[in-house]
């Protein structure tokens, strides 16, 4: 039942990030919010941990690539 708790936490952070991005766009401009990218990066990190814990190393590697690109965007946002 609690096999993928870490992955579910990562997904929850990703959903929260998207909700914050949507709220930011409603109130401000169409730029990418730094909080959005940060929450997605943390959520992706949790997906990496879950994939490693469950032995899905190829999936973990793909998540690491997503995390790397997320971090590049994070450090380029205002």
C-alpha atoms as a PDB file:
ATOM      1  CA  UNK A   1       0.000   0.000   0.000  1.00  0.00           C
ATOM      2  CA  UNK A   2       2.794   2.447   0.872  1.00  0.00           C
ATOM      3  CA  UNK A   3       5.149   1.239  -1.831  1.00  0.00           C
ATOM      4  CA  UNK A   4       5.411   4.529  -3.722  1.00  0.00           C
ATOM      5  CA  UNK A   5       4.934   7.125  -0.975  1.00  0.00           C
ATOM      6  CA  UNK A   6       7.996   9.078  -2.112  1.00  0.00           C
ATOM      7  CA  UNK A   7       6.758   9.160  -5.720  1.00  0.00           C
ATOM      8  CA  UNK A   8       3.321  10.314  -4.580  1.00  0.00           C
ATOM      9  CA  UNK A   9       4.946  13.103  -2.577  1.00  0.00           C
ATOM     10  CA  UNK A  10       6.917  14.130  -5.651  1.00  0.00           C
ATOM     11  CA  UNK A  11       3.766  14.152  -7.732  1.00  0.00           C
ATOM     12  CA  UNK A  12       1.992  16.251  -5.098  1.00  0.00           C
ATOM     13  CA  UNK A  13       4.810  18.823  -5.240  1.00  0.00           C
ATOM     14  CA  UNK A  14       4.618  18.863  -9.031  1.00  0.00           C
ATOM     15  CA  UNK A  15       0.865  19.466  -8.899  1.00  0.00           C
ATOM     16  CA  UNK A  16       1.401  22.246  -6.363  1.00  0.00           C
ATOM     17  CA  UNK A  17       4.016  23.789  -8.638  1.00  0.00           C
ATOM     18  CA  UNK A  18       1.646  23.795 -11.601  1.00  0.00           C
ATOM     19  CA  UNK A  19      -1.108  25.326  -9.463  1.00  0.00           C
ATOM     20  CA  UNK A  20       1.239  28.089  -8.306  1.00  0.00           C
ATOM     21  CA  UNK A  21       2.330  28.734 -11.900  1.00  0.00           C
ATOM     22  CA  UNK A  22      -1.289  29.019 -12.999  1.00  0.00           C
ATOM     23  CA  UNK A  23      -2.060  31.420 -10.131  1.00  0.00           C
ATOM     24  CA  UNK A  24       1.034  33.464 -10.989  1.00  0.00           C
ATOM     25  CA  UNK A  25      -0.071  33.763 -14.604  1.00  0.00           C
ATOM     26  CA  UNK A  26      -3.564  34.861 -13.594  1.00  0.00           C
ATOM     27  CA  UNK A  27      -2.205  37.648 -11.399  1.00  0.00           C
ATOM     28  CA  UNK A  28       0.947  38.757 -13.176  1.00  0.00           C
ATOM     29  CA  UNK A  29       2.526  38.055 -16.517  1.00  0.00           C
ATOM     30  CA  UNK A  30       3.269  34.932 -18.513  1.00  0.00           C
ATOM     31  CA  UNK A  31       6.814  34.390 -17.191  1.00  0.00           C
ATOM     32  CA  UNK A  32       7.829  31.131 -15.592  1.00  0.00           C
ATOM     33  CA  UNK A  33       7.702  31.491 -11.797  1.00  0.00           C
ATOM     34  CA  UNK A  34      10.833  30.439  -9.924  1.00  0.00           C
ATOM     35  CA  UNK A  35       8.682  28.633  -7.337  1.00  0.00           C
ATOM     36  CA  UNK A  36       7.142  26.527 -10.108  1.00  0.00           C
ATOM     37  CA  UNK A  37      10.518  25.339 -11.335  1.00  0.00           C
ATOM     38  CA  UNK A  38      11.783  24.748  -7.805  1.00  0.00           C
ATOM     39  CA  UNK A  39       8.808  22.632  -6.765  1.00  0.00           C
ATOM     40  CA  UNK A  40       9.052  20.629  -9.968  1.00  0.00           C
ATOM     41  CA  UNK A  41      12.751  20.037  -9.387  1.00  0.00           C
ATOM     42  CA  UNK A  42      12.153  18.828  -5.823  1.00  0.00           C
ATOM     43  CA  UNK A  43       9.295  16.617  -7.032  1.00  0.00           C
ATOM     44  CA  UNK A  44      11.524  15.154  -9.731  1.00  0.00           C
ATOM     45  CA  UNK A  45      14.232  14.495  -7.151  1.00  0.00           C
ATOM     46  CA  UNK A  46      11.703  12.490  -5.185  1.00  0.00           C
ATOM     47  CA  UNK A  47      10.847  10.511  -8.339  1.00  0.00           C
ATOM     48  CA  UNK A  48      14.543   9.718  -8.745  1.00  0.00           C
ATOM     49  CA  UNK A  49      14.687   8.420  -5.166  1.00  0.00           C
ATOM     50  CA  UNK A  50      11.574   6.298  -5.650  1.00  0.00           C
ATOM     51  CA  UNK A  51      12.862   4.829  -8.905  1.00  0.00           C
ATOM     52  CA  UNK A  52      16.204   3.915  -7.299  1.00  0.00           C
ATOM     53  CA  UNK A  53      14.461   2.400  -4.261  1.00  0.00           C
ATOM     54  CA  UNK A  54      12.303   0.197  -6.479  1.00  0.00           C
ATOM     55  CA  UNK A  55      15.184  -0.843  -8.742  1.00  0.00           C
ATOM     56  CA  UNK A  56      14.016   1.027 -11.848  1.00  0.00           C
ATOM     57  CA  UNK A  57      17.428   2.423 -12.699  1.00  0.00           C
ATOM     58  CA  UNK A  58      16.669   3.348 -16.308  1.00  0.00           C
ATOM     59  CA  UNK A  59      13.674   5.377 -15.128  1.00  0.00           C
ATOM     60  CA  UNK A  60      15.830   7.001 -12.437  1.00  0.00           C
ATOM     61  CA  UNK A  61      18.349   8.012 -15.091  1.00  0.00           C
ATOM     62  CA  UNK A  62      15.627   9.652 -17.176  1.00  0.00           C
ATOM     63  CA  UNK A  63      14.387  11.519 -14.102  1.00  0.00           C
ATOM     64  CA  UNK A  64      17.957  12.704 -13.474  1.00  0.00           C
ATOM     65  CA  UNK A  65      17.979  14.228 -16.970  1.00  0.00           C
ATOM     66  CA  UNK A  66      14.655  15.958 -16.257  1.00  0.00           C
ATOM     67  CA  UNK A  67      16.066  17.201 -12.955  1.00  0.00           C
ATOM     68  CA  UNK A  68      19.193  18.555 -14.682  1.00  0.00           C
ATOM     69  CA  UNK A  69      17.144  20.535 -17.200  1.00  0.00           C
ATOM     70  CA  UNK A  70      14.847  21.783 -14.421  1.00  0.00           C
ATOM     71  CA  UNK A  71      17.847  23.045 -12.496  1.00  0.00           C
ATOM     72  CA  UNK A  72      19.192  24.830 -15.592  1.00  0.00           C
ATOM     73  CA  UNK A  73      15.852  26.625 -15.935  1.00  0.00           C
ATOM     74  CA  UNK A  74      15.704  27.323 -12.178  1.00  0.00           C
ATOM     75  CA  UNK A  75      19.026  29.146 -12.199  1.00  0.00           C
ATOM     76  CA  UNK A  76      18.050  31.158 -15.305  1.00  0.00           C
ATOM     77  CA  UNK A  77      14.729  32.445 -13.901  1.00  0.00           C
ATOM     78  CA  UNK A  78      14.468  35.769 -12.079  1.00  0.00           C
END
